[in-house]
Amino acid sequence: MGLEVQRMTDQILQSAREDAESILIEAHKSAEVMIDKQKELAHQNSLGEVSPILKKGEDEAEAINKTLIADAKKRASWMVLFEKERLVTSVLEEVMNRLKVFSQSENYLPFLQKLIVDTGIVLSGEKLEILLREQDETLPLELDMLTKKIVKKTGKETELTASTEKIKSLGGCVIRTYDGRIVIDNTFSDILKRRERELRFEIAKMLFH
């Protein structure tokens, strides 16, 4: 993903910069036209008082010029920010696509088993229910082995049960205490949601700094 994303980054930002420069050039042209019109109007209406009216016209045109340039710079800045935000979002979407592919790979099972153990340890063991995707129901999860790992870390008697209730997700699991009072959602989508702000910052830092 690295080189492809970098190329896409360069293309998008180059386009944004070119558009921003175009906006500034047009703003300068518009301002110059207004200055010329103000000068012409001052000459036409001066009636022998060209200098004072011309000076007033130039001052007014200059004020308009500054306003137009400031507005153009703001628009250019927002355009670049918008393109950066769009790119960061596209990278997050690519992450989701990669996770979807990962959930269908041979590496997914050991990852899921580790996720179950880590979550079980956070919940301090005891009677726990695992909620999985329907397509993960046939995975050869070694619940006895996972239970022993949780017991070893928590020192508490633990029982893991696969719930008949299924979740809709790209991958991962939800684990809850048997009484349902504590639930930890470690599905891919929820993990990304919890870390979205941090991920956006890291992606932006990687791409734009």
N, C-alpha and C. Protein backbone atom coordinates (compact mmCIF):
# COMPACT_ATOMS: atom_id res chain seq x y z
N MET A 1 0.83 -1.21 0.00
CA MET A 1 0.00 0.00 0.00
C MET A 1 0.86 1.26 0.00
N GLY A 2 2.11 1.18 0.49
CA GLY A 2 2.90 2.38 0.69
C GLY A 2 3.16 3.21 -0.54
N LEU A 3 3.78 2.59 -1.59
CA LEU A 3 4.14 3.34 -2.79
C LEU A 3 2.90 3.82 -3.54
N GLU A 4 1.89 2.96 -3.58
CA GLU A 4 0.66 3.32 -4.29
C GLU A 4 -0.01 4.52 -3.63
N VAL A 5 -0.09 4.49 -2.29
CA VAL A 5 -0.70 5.60 -1.56
C VAL A 5 0.12 6.86 -1.71
N GLN A 6 1.46 6.73 -1.70
CA GLN A 6 2.32 7.90 -1.83
C GLN A 6 2.14 8.56 -3.19
N ARG A 7 2.04 7.72 -4.25
CA ARG A 7 1.80 8.28 -5.58
C ARG A 7 0.46 8.99 -5.64
N MET A 8 -0.55 8.38 -5.04
CA MET A 8 -1.88 8.99 -5.02
C MET A 8 -1.84 10.30 -4.23
N THR A 9 -1.10 10.30 -3.13
CA THR A 9 -0.95 11.51 -2.32
C THR A 9 -0.35 12.64 -3.14
N ASP A 10 0.75 12.34 -3.82
CA ASP A 10 1.43 13.35 -4.61
C ASP A 10 0.53 13.91 -5.70
N GLN A 11 -0.21 13.03 -6.38
CA GLN A 11 -1.09 13.47 -7.46
C GLN A 11 -2.20 14.38 -6.95
N ILE A 12 -2.83 13.97 -5.85
CA ILE A 12 -3.95 14.74 -5.31
C ILE A 12 -3.48 16.10 -4.81
N LEU A 13 -2.38 16.10 -4.07
CA LEU A 13 -1.90 17.37 -3.51
C LEU A 13 -1.36 18.29 -4.60
N GLN A 14 -0.74 17.71 -5.63
CA GLN A 14 -0.27 18.52 -6.74
C GLN A 14 -1.45 19.19 -7.44
N SER A 15 -2.52 18.41 -7.63
CA SER A 15 -3.74 18.96 -8.25
C SER A 15 -4.32 20.07 -7.39
N ALA A 16 -4.35 19.85 -6.07
CA ALA A 16 -4.89 20.86 -5.16
C ALA A 16 -4.05 22.14 -5.20
N ARG A 17 -2.73 21.98 -5.23
CA ARG A 17 -1.86 23.16 -5.28
C ARG A 17 -2.06 23.92 -6.59
N GLU A 18 -2.17 23.18 -7.70
CA GLU A 18 -2.39 23.84 -8.99
C GLU A 18 -3.72 24.60 -9.01
N ASP A 19 -4.76 23.98 -8.44
CA ASP A 19 -6.06 24.66 -8.36
C ASP A 19 -5.96 25.91 -7.49
N ALA A 20 -5.22 25.78 -6.39
CA ALA A 20 -5.06 26.91 -5.48
C ALA A 20 -4.33 28.06 -6.17
N GLU A 21 -3.28 27.71 -6.90
CA GLU A 21 -2.53 28.75 -7.63
C GLU A 21 -3.42 29.40 -8.69
N SER A 22 -4.25 28.61 -9.35
CA SER A 22 -5.16 29.13 -10.36
C SER A 22 -6.14 30.13 -9.76
N ILE A 23 -6.65 29.78 -8.56
CA ILE A 23 -7.58 30.68 -7.86
C ILE A 23 -6.91 32.01 -7.56
N LEU A 24 -5.67 31.95 -7.07
CA LEU A 24 -4.95 33.18 -6.73
C LEU A 24 -4.68 34.03 -7.96
N ILE A 25 -4.30 33.36 -9.06
CA ILE A 25 -4.06 34.11 -10.30
C ILE A 25 -5.32 34.81 -10.77
N GLU A 26 -6.45 34.12 -10.74
CA GLU A 26 -7.73 34.72 -11.15
C GLU A 26 -8.11 35.87 -10.24
N ALA A 27 -7.83 35.71 -8.95
CA ALA A 27 -8.15 36.78 -8.00
C ALA A 27 -7.32 38.03 -8.31
N HIS A 28 -6.04 37.82 -8.59
CA HIS A 28 -5.17 38.95 -8.95
C HIS A 28 -5.68 39.64 -10.21
N LYS A 29 -6.07 38.84 -11.21
CA LYS A 29 -6.59 39.42 -12.46
C LYS A 29 -7.85 40.23 -12.21
N SER A 30 -8.77 39.67 -11.39
CA SER A 30 -10.02 40.37 -11.09
C SER A 30 -9.74 41.68 -10.37
N ALA A 31 -8.78 41.63 -9.46
CA ALA A 31 -8.43 42.84 -8.72
C ALA A 31 -7.84 43.90 -9.65
N GLU A 32 -6.98 43.47 -10.58
CA GLU A 32 -6.36 44.41 -11.52
C GLU A 32 -7.41 45.05 -12.43
N VAL A 33 -8.38 44.24 -12.87
CA VAL A 33 -9.47 44.77 -13.70
C VAL A 33 -10.25 45.82 -12.94
N MET A 34 -10.53 45.53 -11.66
CA MET A 34 -11.28 46.49 -10.85
C MET A 34 -10.49 47.78 -10.66
N ILE A 35 -9.20 47.65 -10.48
CA ILE A 35 -8.37 48.85 -10.32
C ILE A 35 -8.43 49.70 -11.59
N ASP A 36 -8.31 49.05 -12.75
CA ASP A 36 -8.39 49.78 -14.02
C ASP A 36 -9.74 50.47 -14.20
N LYS A 37 -10.80 49.77 -13.80
CA LYS A 37 -12.14 50.36 -13.93
C LYS A 37 -12.30 51.57 -13.01
N GLN A 38 -11.75 51.42 -11.80
CA GLN A 38 -11.83 52.53 -10.85
C GLN A 38 -11.05 53.74 -11.37
N LYS A 39 -9.89 53.47 -11.95
CA LYS A 39 -9.09 54.57 -12.52
C LYS A 39 -9.83 55.26 -13.66
N GLU A 40 -10.43 54.45 -14.55
CA GLU A 40 -11.16 55.00 -15.68
C GLU A 40 -12.35 55.83 -15.20
N LEU A 41 -13.06 55.29 -14.21
CA LEU A 41 -14.22 56.01 -13.68
C LEU A 41 -13.79 57.33 -13.03
N ALA A 42 -12.67 57.29 -12.36
CA ALA A 42 -12.17 58.50 -11.71
C ALA A 42 -11.83 59.57 -12.74
N HIS A 43 -11.21 59.14 -13.85
CA HIS A 43 -10.88 60.08 -14.91
C HIS A 43 -12.14 60.67 -15.54
N GLN A 44 -13.12 59.83 -15.78
CA GLN A 44 -14.34 60.28 -16.45
C GLN A 44 -15.14 61.27 -15.61
N ASN A 45 -15.06 61.11 -14.30
CA ASN A 45 -15.89 61.95 -13.44
C ASN A 45 -15.11 63.01 -12.68
N SER A 46 -13.85 63.13 -13.05
CA SER A 46 -13.03 64.04 -12.26
C SER A 46 -13.40 65.50 -12.43
N LEU A 47 -13.80 65.90 -13.68
CA LEU A 47 -14.17 67.30 -13.96
C LEU A 47 -13.11 68.26 -13.44
N GLY A 48 -11.90 67.97 -13.81
CA GLY A 48 -10.81 68.85 -13.40
C GLY A 48 -10.22 68.51 -12.06
N GLU A 49 -10.76 67.48 -11.44
CA GLU A 49 -10.21 67.08 -10.13
C GLU A 49 -9.72 65.65 -10.21
N VAL A 50 -8.88 65.40 -11.21
CA VAL A 50 -8.44 64.04 -11.49
C VAL A 50 -7.67 63.42 -10.32
N SER A 51 -6.74 64.12 -9.80
CA SER A 51 -5.85 63.55 -8.79
C SER A 51 -6.56 63.04 -7.54
N PRO A 52 -7.43 63.87 -6.88
CA PRO A 52 -8.11 63.39 -5.67
C PRO A 52 -9.02 62.21 -5.96
N ILE A 53 -9.78 62.24 -7.07
CA ILE A 53 -10.73 61.16 -7.37
C ILE A 53 -9.97 59.90 -7.76
N LEU A 54 -8.90 60.10 -8.54
CA LEU A 54 -8.08 58.95 -8.91
C LEU A 54 -7.49 58.27 -7.68
N LYS A 55 -7.00 59.09 -6.74
CA LYS A 55 -6.42 58.53 -5.51
C LYS A 55 -7.47 57.75 -4.73
N LYS A 56 -8.70 58.30 -4.65
CA LYS A 56 -9.77 57.61 -3.94
C LYS A 56 -10.11 56.30 -4.62
N GLY A 57 -10.19 56.36 -5.97
CA GLY A 57 -10.50 55.14 -6.72
C GLY A 57 -9.44 54.07 -6.53
N GLU A 58 -8.18 54.49 -6.54
CA GLU A 58 -7.09 53.54 -6.34
C GLU A 58 -7.12 52.94 -4.94
N ASP A 59 -7.43 53.77 -3.94
CA ASP A 59 -7.52 53.27 -2.56
C ASP A 59 -8.64 52.24 -2.42
N GLU A 60 -9.81 52.54 -3.03
CA GLU A 60 -10.94 51.62 -2.96
C GLU A 60 -10.62 50.31 -3.70
N ALA A 61 -10.00 50.45 -4.86
CA ALA A 61 -9.64 49.26 -5.62
C ALA A 61 -8.61 48.42 -4.88
N GLU A 62 -7.66 49.08 -4.21
CA GLU A 62 -6.64 48.35 -3.45
C GLU A 62 -7.27 47.58 -2.30
N ALA A 63 -8.27 48.20 -1.65
CA ALA A 63 -8.97 47.52 -0.55
C ALA A 63 -9.69 46.28 -1.09
N ILE A 64 -10.34 46.43 -2.24
CA ILE A 64 -11.02 45.30 -2.86
C ILE A 64 -10.01 44.22 -3.23
N ASN A 65 -8.87 44.68 -3.76
CA ASN A 65 -7.81 43.75 -4.13
C ASN A 65 -7.36 42.91 -2.94
N LYS A 66 -7.12 43.53 -1.81
CA LYS A 66 -6.67 42.82 -0.60
C LYS A 66 -7.72 41.82 -0.14
N THR A 67 -9.00 42.23 -0.20
CA THR A 67 -10.08 41.34 0.22
C THR A 67 -10.15 40.11 -0.68
N LEU A 68 -10.04 40.35 -2.00
CA LEU A 68 -10.10 39.24 -2.95
C LEU A 68 -8.94 38.27 -2.74
N ILE A 69 -7.75 38.81 -2.54
CA ILE A 69 -6.57 37.96 -2.35
C ILE A 69 -6.70 37.15 -1.06
N ALA A 70 -7.16 37.79 0.02
CA ALA A 70 -7.33 37.09 1.30
C ALA A 70 -8.35 35.96 1.15
N ASP A 71 -9.45 36.25 0.45
CA ASP A 71 -10.48 35.24 0.24
C ASP A 71 -9.95 34.09 -0.60
N ALA A 72 -9.18 34.42 -1.63
CA ALA A 72 -8.61 33.38 -2.50
C ALA A 72 -7.65 32.48 -1.72
N LYS A 73 -6.85 33.08 -0.83
CA LYS A 73 -5.92 32.29 -0.03
C LYS A 73 -6.66 31.35 0.91
N LYS A 74 -7.77 31.84 1.49
CA LYS A 74 -8.57 30.99 2.36
C LYS A 74 -9.14 29.81 1.58
N ARG A 75 -9.68 30.12 0.40
CA ARG A 75 -10.26 29.07 -0.42
C ARG A 75 -9.21 28.05 -0.83
N ALA A 76 -8.02 28.52 -1.16
CA ALA A 76 -6.94 27.63 -1.55
C ALA A 76 -6.53 26.74 -0.37
N SER A 77 -6.45 27.35 0.82
CA SER A 77 -6.07 26.59 2.02
C SER A 77 -7.10 25.51 2.34
N TRP A 78 -8.39 25.89 2.26
CA TRP A 78 -9.45 24.92 2.54
C TRP A 78 -9.45 23.80 1.52
N MET A 79 -9.12 24.13 0.27
CA MET A 79 -9.09 23.11 -0.78
C MET A 79 -8.02 22.06 -0.48
N VAL A 80 -6.85 22.51 -0.08
CA VAL A 80 -5.77 21.59 0.25
C VAL A 80 -6.14 20.74 1.47
N LEU A 81 -6.73 21.37 2.49
CA LEU A 81 -7.16 20.63 3.68
C LEU A 81 -8.20 19.57 3.33
N PHE A 82 -9.13 19.95 2.46
CA PHE A 82 -10.17 19.02 2.03
C PHE A 82 -9.56 17.80 1.33
N GLU A 83 -8.59 18.04 0.45
CA GLU A 83 -7.95 16.95 -0.27
C GLU A 83 -7.16 16.06 0.69
N LYS A 84 -6.52 16.66 1.68
CA LYS A 84 -5.79 15.87 2.67
C LYS A 84 -6.75 14.99 3.47
N GLU A 85 -7.87 15.58 3.90
CA GLU A 85 -8.86 14.82 4.67
C GLU A 85 -9.42 13.68 3.84
N ARG A 86 -9.67 13.95 2.57
CA ARG A 86 -10.21 12.91 1.69
C ARG A 86 -9.21 11.77 1.53
N LEU A 87 -7.94 12.11 1.43
CA LEU A 87 -6.92 11.08 1.28
C LEU A 87 -6.79 10.24 2.55
N VAL A 88 -6.80 10.88 3.72
CA VAL A 88 -6.72 10.14 4.98
C VAL A 88 -7.90 9.17 5.09
N THR A 89 -9.09 9.65 4.72
CA THR A 89 -10.28 8.79 4.75
C THR A 89 -10.12 7.61 3.80
N SER A 90 -9.56 7.86 2.63
CA SER A 90 -9.37 6.78 1.66
C SER A 90 -8.38 5.73 2.18
N VAL A 91 -7.37 6.18 2.94
CA VAL A 91 -6.42 5.24 3.53
C VAL A 91 -7.12 4.38 4.58
N LEU A 92 -7.97 4.98 5.40
CA LEU A 92 -8.73 4.22 6.40
C LEU A 92 -9.64 3.20 5.72
N GLU A 93 -10.25 3.60 4.62
CA GLU A 93 -11.09 2.66 3.86
C GLU A 93 -10.25 1.51 3.31
N GLU A 94 -9.04 1.84 2.89
CA GLU A 94 -8.13 0.80 2.39
C GLU A 94 -7.75 -0.16 3.52
N VAL A 95 -7.58 0.38 4.73
CA VAL A 95 -7.29 -0.47 5.89
C VAL A 95 -8.43 -1.45 6.12
N MET A 96 -9.67 -0.97 6.04
CA MET A 96 -10.83 -1.83 6.21
C MET A 96 -10.86 -2.92 5.13
N ASN A 97 -10.53 -2.55 3.90
CA ASN A 97 -10.49 -3.54 2.82
C ASN A 97 -9.42 -4.60 3.09
N ARG A 98 -8.27 -4.14 3.60
CA ARG A 98 -7.18 -5.08 3.90
C ARG A 98 -7.58 -6.02 5.04
N LEU A 99 -8.32 -5.49 6.03
CA LEU A 99 -8.78 -6.32 7.14
C LEU A 99 -9.78 -7.37 6.67
N LYS A 100 -10.60 -6.97 5.72
CA LYS A 100 -11.57 -7.92 5.15
C LYS A 100 -10.84 -9.09 4.48
N VAL A 101 -9.80 -8.75 3.72
CA VAL A 101 -9.01 -9.79 3.07
C VAL A 101 -8.30 -10.64 4.12
N PHE A 102 -7.76 -9.97 5.15
CA PHE A 102 -7.04 -10.68 6.22
C PHE A 102 -7.95 -11.68 6.92
N SER A 103 -9.22 -11.32 7.13
CA SER A 103 -10.15 -12.19 7.85
C SER A 103 -10.46 -13.47 7.08
N GLN A 104 -10.03 -13.52 5.82
CA GLN A 104 -10.25 -14.72 5.01
C GLN A 104 -8.94 -15.49 4.78
N SER A 105 -7.89 -15.03 5.44
CA SER A 105 -6.58 -15.65 5.24
C SER A 105 -6.28 -16.66 6.35
N GLU A 106 -5.20 -17.42 6.15
CA GLU A 106 -4.81 -18.44 7.14
C GLU A 106 -4.26 -17.81 8.41
N ASN A 107 -3.88 -16.54 8.35
CA ASN A 107 -3.35 -15.87 9.55
C ASN A 107 -4.44 -15.38 10.49
N TYR A 108 -5.67 -15.43 10.02
CA TYR A 108 -6.77 -14.88 10.82
C TYR A 108 -7.05 -15.70 12.07
N LEU A 109 -7.03 -17.03 11.95
CA LEU A 109 -7.34 -17.89 13.10
C LEU A 109 -6.42 -17.64 14.29
N PRO A 110 -5.09 -17.68 14.13
CA PRO A 110 -4.23 -17.40 15.29
C PRO A 110 -4.44 -15.99 15.84
N PHE A 111 -4.72 -15.03 14.94
CA PHE A 111 -4.99 -13.67 15.41
C PHE A 111 -6.26 -13.64 16.27
N LEU A 112 -7.31 -14.30 15.80
CA LEU A 112 -8.58 -14.32 16.53
C LEU A 112 -8.42 -15.00 17.88
N GLN A 113 -7.65 -16.07 17.90
CA GLN A 113 -7.44 -16.79 19.18
C GLN A 113 -6.68 -15.91 20.18
N LYS A 114 -5.70 -15.18 19.71
CA LYS A 114 -4.96 -14.27 20.59
C LYS A 114 -5.88 -13.15 21.08
N LEU A 115 -6.74 -12.67 20.19
CA LEU A 115 -7.68 -11.61 20.56
C LEU A 115 -8.63 -12.09 21.65
N ILE A 116 -9.08 -13.33 21.55
CA ILE A 116 -9.97 -13.91 22.55
C ILE A 116 -9.26 -14.01 23.90
N VAL A 117 -8.02 -14.48 23.88
CA VAL A 117 -7.24 -14.61 25.11
C VAL A 117 -7.01 -13.24 25.76
N ASP A 118 -6.57 -12.26 24.96
CA ASP A 118 -6.30 -10.92 25.49
C ASP A 118 -7.56 -10.30 26.09
N THR A 119 -8.68 -10.48 25.42
CA THR A 119 -9.95 -9.92 25.91
C THR A 119 -10.39 -10.65 27.18
N GLY A 120 -10.21 -11.97 27.20
CA GLY A 120 -10.57 -12.75 28.39
C GLY A 120 -9.75 -12.34 29.60
N ILE A 121 -8.48 -12.00 29.37
CA ILE A 121 -7.62 -11.55 30.46
C ILE A 121 -8.10 -10.20 31.00
N VAL A 122 -8.48 -9.29 30.09
CA VAL A 122 -9.00 -7.98 30.51
C VAL A 122 -10.26 -8.15 31.36
N LEU A 123 -11.08 -9.16 31.02
CA LEU A 123 -12.32 -9.40 31.76
C LEU A 123 -12.07 -10.24 33.02
N SER A 124 -10.81 -10.58 33.27
CA SER A 124 -10.42 -11.35 34.46
C SER A 124 -11.03 -12.75 34.50
N GLY A 125 -11.20 -13.34 33.35
CA GLY A 125 -11.65 -14.72 33.28
C GLY A 125 -13.07 -14.95 33.74
N GLU A 126 -13.28 -16.07 34.42
CA GLU A 126 -14.59 -16.56 34.87
C GLU A 126 -15.46 -16.99 33.68
N LYS A 127 -16.78 -16.91 33.79
CA LYS A 127 -17.65 -17.44 32.74
C LYS A 127 -17.84 -16.39 31.64
N LEU A 128 -17.36 -16.71 30.46
CA LEU A 128 -17.37 -15.74 29.36
C LEU A 128 -18.02 -16.34 28.12
N GLU A 129 -18.74 -15.49 27.38
CA GLU A 129 -19.36 -15.88 26.12
C GLU A 129 -18.64 -15.19 24.96
N ILE A 130 -18.37 -15.95 23.91
CA ILE A 130 -17.72 -15.40 22.73
C ILE A 130 -18.74 -15.30 21.60
N LEU A 131 -18.89 -14.10 21.07
CA LEU A 131 -19.78 -13.88 19.93
C LEU A 131 -18.93 -13.71 18.68
N LEU A 132 -19.20 -14.55 17.68
CA LEU A 132 -18.41 -14.55 16.46
C LEU A 132 -19.28 -14.26 15.24
N ARG A 133 -18.62 -14.00 14.12
CA ARG A 133 -19.34 -13.90 12.85
C ARG A 133 -19.83 -15.29 12.45
N GLU A 134 -20.87 -15.31 11.66
CA GLU A 134 -21.40 -16.60 11.20
C GLU A 134 -20.35 -17.40 10.44
N GLN A 135 -19.54 -16.70 9.62
CA GLN A 135 -18.53 -17.40 8.83
C GLN A 135 -17.36 -17.91 9.67
N ASP A 136 -17.26 -17.45 10.93
CA ASP A 136 -16.19 -17.92 11.81
C ASP A 136 -16.62 -19.10 12.67
N GLU A 137 -17.88 -19.48 12.54
CA GLU A 137 -18.44 -20.54 13.38
C GLU A 137 -17.73 -21.87 13.16
N THR A 138 -17.25 -22.09 11.96
CA THR A 138 -16.61 -23.38 11.64
C THR A 138 -15.10 -23.38 11.90
N LEU A 139 -14.56 -22.25 12.34
CA LEU A 139 -13.12 -22.20 12.61
C LEU A 139 -12.77 -23.14 13.77
N PRO A 140 -11.63 -23.83 13.67
CA PRO A 140 -11.25 -24.77 14.74
C PRO A 140 -10.64 -24.06 15.95
N LEU A 141 -11.46 -23.27 16.63
CA LEU A 141 -10.99 -22.58 17.83
C LEU A 141 -10.71 -23.60 18.95
N GLU A 142 -9.53 -23.53 19.51
CA GLU A 142 -9.18 -24.46 20.60
C GLU A 142 -9.53 -23.79 21.93
N LEU A 143 -10.81 -23.88 22.29
CA LEU A 143 -11.29 -23.16 23.47
C LEU A 143 -10.63 -23.64 24.76
N ASP A 144 -10.33 -24.94 24.84
CA ASP A 144 -9.67 -25.45 26.05
C ASP A 144 -8.29 -24.83 26.21
N MET A 145 -7.55 -24.76 25.12
CA MET A 145 -6.21 -24.17 25.16
C MET A 145 -6.28 -22.68 25.48
N LEU A 146 -7.25 -21.99 24.88
CA LEU A 146 -7.41 -20.55 25.14
C LEU A 146 -7.81 -20.31 26.60
N THR A 147 -8.65 -21.20 27.13
CA THR A 147 -9.08 -21.09 28.53
C THR A 147 -7.88 -21.22 29.47
N LYS A 148 -7.01 -22.17 29.18
CA LYS A 148 -5.83 -22.39 30.03
C LYS A 148 -4.92 -21.16 30.03
N LYS A 149 -4.79 -20.52 28.88
CA LYS A 149 -3.95 -19.32 28.81
C LYS A 149 -4.53 -18.19 29.65
N ILE A 150 -5.86 -18.05 29.63
CA ILE A 150 -6.51 -17.00 30.43
C ILE A 150 -6.34 -17.30 31.92
N VAL A 151 -6.53 -18.58 32.30
CA VAL A 151 -6.38 -18.99 33.70
C VAL A 151 -4.96 -18.72 34.18
N LYS A 152 -3.98 -19.02 33.32
CA LYS A 152 -2.58 -18.81 33.69
C LYS A 152 -2.28 -17.35 33.98
N LYS A 153 -2.90 -16.45 33.24
CA LYS A 153 -2.66 -15.02 33.43
C LYS A 153 -3.48 -14.41 34.55
N THR A 154 -4.70 -14.89 34.73
CA THR A 154 -5.60 -14.27 35.71
C THR A 154 -5.62 -14.99 37.05
N GLY A 155 -5.26 -16.28 37.02
CA GLY A 155 -5.33 -17.07 38.24
C GLY A 155 -6.75 -17.39 38.64
N LYS A 156 -7.70 -17.19 37.74
CA LYS A 156 -9.10 -17.44 38.06
C LYS A 156 -9.66 -18.55 37.17
N GLU A 157 -10.54 -19.34 37.79
CA GLU A 157 -11.20 -20.39 37.02
C GLU A 157 -12.00 -19.74 35.89
N THR A 158 -11.85 -20.28 34.70
CA THR A 158 -12.45 -19.64 33.53
C THR A 158 -13.19 -20.67 32.67
N GLU A 159 -14.29 -20.22 32.10
CA GLU A 159 -15.05 -21.05 31.18
C GLU A 159 -15.40 -20.22 29.95
N LEU A 160 -14.96 -20.68 28.78
CA LEU A 160 -15.26 -20.00 27.52
C LEU A 160 -16.33 -20.78 26.76
N THR A 161 -17.36 -20.04 26.33
CA THR A 161 -18.44 -20.66 25.58
C THR A 161 -18.70 -19.84 24.32
N ALA A 162 -18.82 -20.54 23.18
CA ALA A 162 -19.17 -19.86 21.94
C ALA A 162 -20.68 -19.66 21.90
N SER A 163 -21.11 -18.40 21.85
CA SER A 163 -22.54 -18.09 21.84
C SER A 163 -23.18 -18.48 20.50
N THR A 164 -24.47 -18.81 20.56
CA THR A 164 -25.20 -19.07 19.31
C THR A 164 -25.57 -17.75 18.62
N GLU A 165 -25.48 -16.65 19.37
CA GLU A 165 -25.74 -15.33 18.80
C GLU A 165 -24.57 -14.92 17.91
N LYS A 166 -24.87 -14.43 16.71
CA LYS A 166 -23.82 -14.06 15.77
C LYS A 166 -23.74 -12.55 15.59
N ILE A 167 -22.56 -12.07 15.22
CA ILE A 167 -22.36 -10.64 15.01
C ILE A 167 -22.08 -10.38 13.53
N LYS A 168 -22.38 -9.17 13.11
CA LYS A 168 -22.07 -8.75 11.74
C LYS A 168 -20.84 -7.85 11.81
N SER A 169 -19.76 -8.31 11.22
CA SER A 169 -18.50 -7.55 11.28
C SER A 169 -17.55 -8.09 10.23
N LEU A 170 -16.50 -7.32 9.94
CA LEU A 170 -15.46 -7.78 9.02
C LEU A 170 -14.58 -8.83 9.68
N GLY A 171 -14.60 -8.89 10.99
CA GLY A 171 -13.76 -9.83 11.71
C GLY A 171 -13.68 -9.43 13.17
N GLY A 172 -12.96 -10.27 13.95
CA GLY A 172 -12.85 -10.00 15.38
C GLY A 172 -13.95 -10.70 16.15
N CYS A 173 -14.18 -10.23 17.36
CA CYS A 173 -15.17 -10.89 18.22
C CYS A 173 -15.72 -9.92 19.27
N VAL A 174 -16.79 -10.36 19.89
CA VAL A 174 -17.34 -9.67 21.05
C VAL A 174 -17.34 -10.69 22.18
N ILE A 175 -16.83 -10.29 23.34
CA ILE A 175 -16.84 -11.18 24.50
C ILE A 175 -17.55 -10.49 25.66
N ARG A 176 -18.42 -11.24 26.30
CA ARG A 176 -19.17 -10.67 27.42
C ARG A 176 -19.19 -11.65 28.59
N THR A 177 -19.37 -11.12 29.77
CA THR A 177 -19.54 -11.98 30.94
C THR A 177 -20.87 -12.72 30.79
N TYR A 178 -20.97 -13.86 31.45
CA TYR A 178 -22.15 -14.71 31.25
C TYR A 178 -23.44 -14.03 31.67
N ASP A 179 -23.33 -13.09 32.64
CA ASP A 179 -24.54 -12.37 33.07
C ASP A 179 -24.84 -11.17 32.16
N GLY A 180 -23.94 -10.92 31.21
CA GLY A 180 -24.17 -9.84 30.25
C GLY A 180 -23.90 -8.45 30.77
N ARG A 181 -23.35 -8.33 31.97
CA ARG A 181 -23.14 -6.99 32.55
C ARG A 181 -21.95 -6.27 31.93
N ILE A 182 -20.94 -7.03 31.51
CA ILE A 182 -19.75 -6.42 30.91
C ILE A 182 -19.56 -6.98 29.51
N VAL A 183 -19.41 -6.09 28.55
CA VAL A 183 -19.24 -6.49 27.16
C VAL A 183 -18.03 -5.76 26.58
N ILE A 184 -17.16 -6.49 25.93
CA ILE A 184 -16.03 -5.87 25.22
C ILE A 184 -16.16 -6.20 23.73
N ASP A 185 -16.28 -5.16 22.94
CA ASP A 185 -16.41 -5.30 21.50
C ASP A 185 -15.05 -5.14 20.86
N ASN A 186 -14.49 -6.24 20.41
CA ASN A 186 -13.20 -6.21 19.72
C ASN A 186 -13.35 -6.66 18.27
N THR A 187 -14.44 -6.23 17.65
CA THR A 187 -14.58 -6.42 16.22
C THR A 187 -13.66 -5.42 15.52
N PHE A 188 -13.31 -5.72 14.28
CA PHE A 188 -12.41 -4.83 13.54
C PHE A 188 -12.98 -3.41 13.46
N SER A 189 -14.27 -3.33 13.16
CA SER A 189 -14.89 -2.01 12.99
C SER A 189 -14.85 -1.20 14.28
N ASP A 190 -15.09 -1.86 15.42
CA ASP A 190 -15.10 -1.13 16.68
C ASP A 190 -13.69 -0.74 17.12
N ILE A 191 -12.72 -1.62 16.86
CA ILE A 191 -11.33 -1.30 17.17
C ILE A 191 -10.88 -0.06 16.39
N LEU A 192 -11.22 -0.03 15.10
CA LEU A 192 -10.86 1.13 14.28
C LEU A 192 -11.60 2.38 14.74
N LYS A 193 -12.85 2.21 15.13
CA LYS A 193 -13.63 3.36 15.60
C LYS A 193 -13.01 3.97 16.85
N ARG A 194 -12.57 3.13 17.77
CA ARG A 194 -11.96 3.62 19.02
C ARG A 194 -10.63 4.32 18.74
N ARG A 195 -9.94 3.87 17.72
CA ARG A 195 -8.61 4.42 17.43
C ARG A 195 -8.60 5.38 16.26
N GLU A 196 -9.79 5.76 15.77
CA GLU A 196 -9.85 6.54 14.54
C GLU A 196 -9.08 7.86 14.63
N ARG A 197 -9.26 8.59 15.73
CA ARG A 197 -8.57 9.87 15.87
C ARG A 197 -7.05 9.68 15.84
N GLU A 198 -6.59 8.69 16.60
CA GLU A 198 -5.15 8.41 16.63
C GLU A 198 -4.64 7.97 15.25
N LEU A 199 -5.43 7.12 14.57
CA LEU A 199 -5.02 6.63 13.26
C LEU A 199 -4.98 7.75 12.23
N ARG A 200 -5.98 8.63 12.28
CA ARG A 200 -6.00 9.76 11.35
C ARG A 200 -4.76 10.63 11.53
N PHE A 201 -4.39 10.85 12.77
CA PHE A 201 -3.20 11.66 13.06
C PHE A 201 -1.95 10.97 12.53
N GLU A 202 -1.84 9.67 12.77
CA GLU A 202 -0.65 8.92 12.34
C GLU A 202 -0.57 8.86 10.82
N ILE A 203 -1.72 8.63 10.16
CA ILE A 203 -1.74 8.57 8.70
C ILE A 203 -1.34 9.92 8.11
N ALA A 204 -1.92 11.00 8.65
CA ALA A 204 -1.60 12.34 8.16
C ALA A 204 -0.12 12.66 8.36
N LYS A 205 0.41 12.27 9.51
CA LYS A 205 1.83 12.51 9.79
C LYS A 205 2.72 11.75 8.80
N MET A 206 2.32 10.52 8.52
CA MET A 206 3.09 9.68 7.60
C MET A 206 3.04 10.23 6.16
N LEU A 207 1.89 10.71 5.76
CA LEU A 207 1.70 11.13 4.37
C LEU A 207 2.17 12.55 4.10
N PHE A 208 1.99 13.46 5.05
CA PHE A 208 2.16 14.87 4.76
C PHE A 208 3.33 15.54 5.46
N HIS A 209 4.02 14.84 6.35
CA HIS A 209 5.13 15.49 7.06
C HIS A 209 6.46 15.03 6.49
